[in-house]
Protein backbone atom coordinates (compact mmCIF):
# COMPACT_ATOMS: atom_id res chain seq x y z
CA MET A 1 -2.17 72.11 -9.03
CA PRO A 2 -5.56 74.04 -9.38
CA GLU A 3 -9.11 72.05 -10.60
CA LYS A 4 -9.10 74.66 -13.19
CA ASP A 5 -6.08 74.24 -14.54
CA LEU A 6 -6.49 70.26 -14.89
CA GLN A 7 -9.21 70.28 -16.03
CA ARG A 8 -7.90 72.60 -19.08
CA PHE A 9 -4.60 69.55 -19.35
CA LEU A 10 -7.35 67.07 -19.52
CA LYS A 11 -8.64 68.87 -22.26
CA LYS A 12 -5.72 69.11 -24.16
CA VAL A 13 -4.90 65.41 -23.82
CA ASP A 14 -8.40 64.79 -25.62
CA GLN A 15 -7.76 67.36 -28.31
CA LEU A 16 -4.13 65.65 -29.07
CA GLN A 17 -5.39 62.00 -28.55
CA LYS A 18 -8.25 63.22 -30.89
CA LEU A 19 -5.86 64.69 -33.81
CA VAL A 20 -3.79 62.32 -33.58
CA ASP A 21 -6.47 59.85 -33.67
CA SER A 22 -7.81 61.47 -36.68
CA LEU A 23 -3.94 61.24 -38.48
CA GLU A 24 -4.60 57.98 -39.93
CA GLU A 25 -8.74 58.21 -40.07
CA VAL A 26 -8.18 61.12 -42.56
CA LYS A 27 -6.04 60.85 -45.72
CA GLY A 28 -3.56 63.42 -45.87
CA ARG A 29 -3.45 64.59 -42.69
CA ARG A 30 -0.16 63.39 -41.25
CA GLU A 31 1.41 64.04 -44.32
CA LEU A 32 -0.19 67.75 -43.88
CA LEU A 33 1.12 67.60 -40.16
CA ALA A 34 5.07 66.24 -41.20
CA SER A 35 4.73 69.54 -43.07
CA CYS A 36 4.86 71.99 -40.77
CA HIS A 37 8.09 72.83 -39.57
CA THR A 38 7.07 75.73 -36.60
CA HIS A 39 5.12 74.73 -33.68
CA ASP A 40 2.82 77.71 -34.85
CA GLU A 41 2.33 76.08 -37.86
CA VAL A 42 1.48 73.03 -36.07
CA ILE A 43 -1.06 75.07 -34.24
CA ALA A 44 -2.76 76.72 -36.60
CA LEU A 45 -2.96 73.65 -38.99
CA ALA A 46 -4.93 71.33 -35.48
CA GLU A 47 -7.07 75.25 -35.28
CA SER A 48 -8.10 74.38 -38.70
CA TRP A 49 -9.06 71.00 -37.87
CA GLY A 50 -11.30 72.21 -35.06
CA TYR A 51 -8.48 71.08 -32.76
CA GLN A 52 -8.00 73.46 -29.67
CA ILE A 53 -4.30 72.45 -28.34
CA GLY A 54 -2.71 76.23 -27.99
CA LYS A 55 -3.35 76.72 -24.69
CA ARG A 56 -0.88 75.61 -21.98
CA TRP A 57 -2.29 74.50 -18.66
CA GLY A 58 -1.55 77.43 -17.45
CA GLU A 59 -2.53 80.83 -19.48
CA ASP A 60 -5.50 82.07 -19.54
């Protein structure tokens, strides 16, 4: 894996962990996430909370 892709992967994992942590910290977030029906809805909701989890590590 090229360094650029590794860094993108690690950033995404960090963003996902912060999102998961926020589910316990911010009331109602867990329910909002659970109400999503598609991957695109999850990505959009996460982005509305300030998390960038949409790009895969090999994408530009």
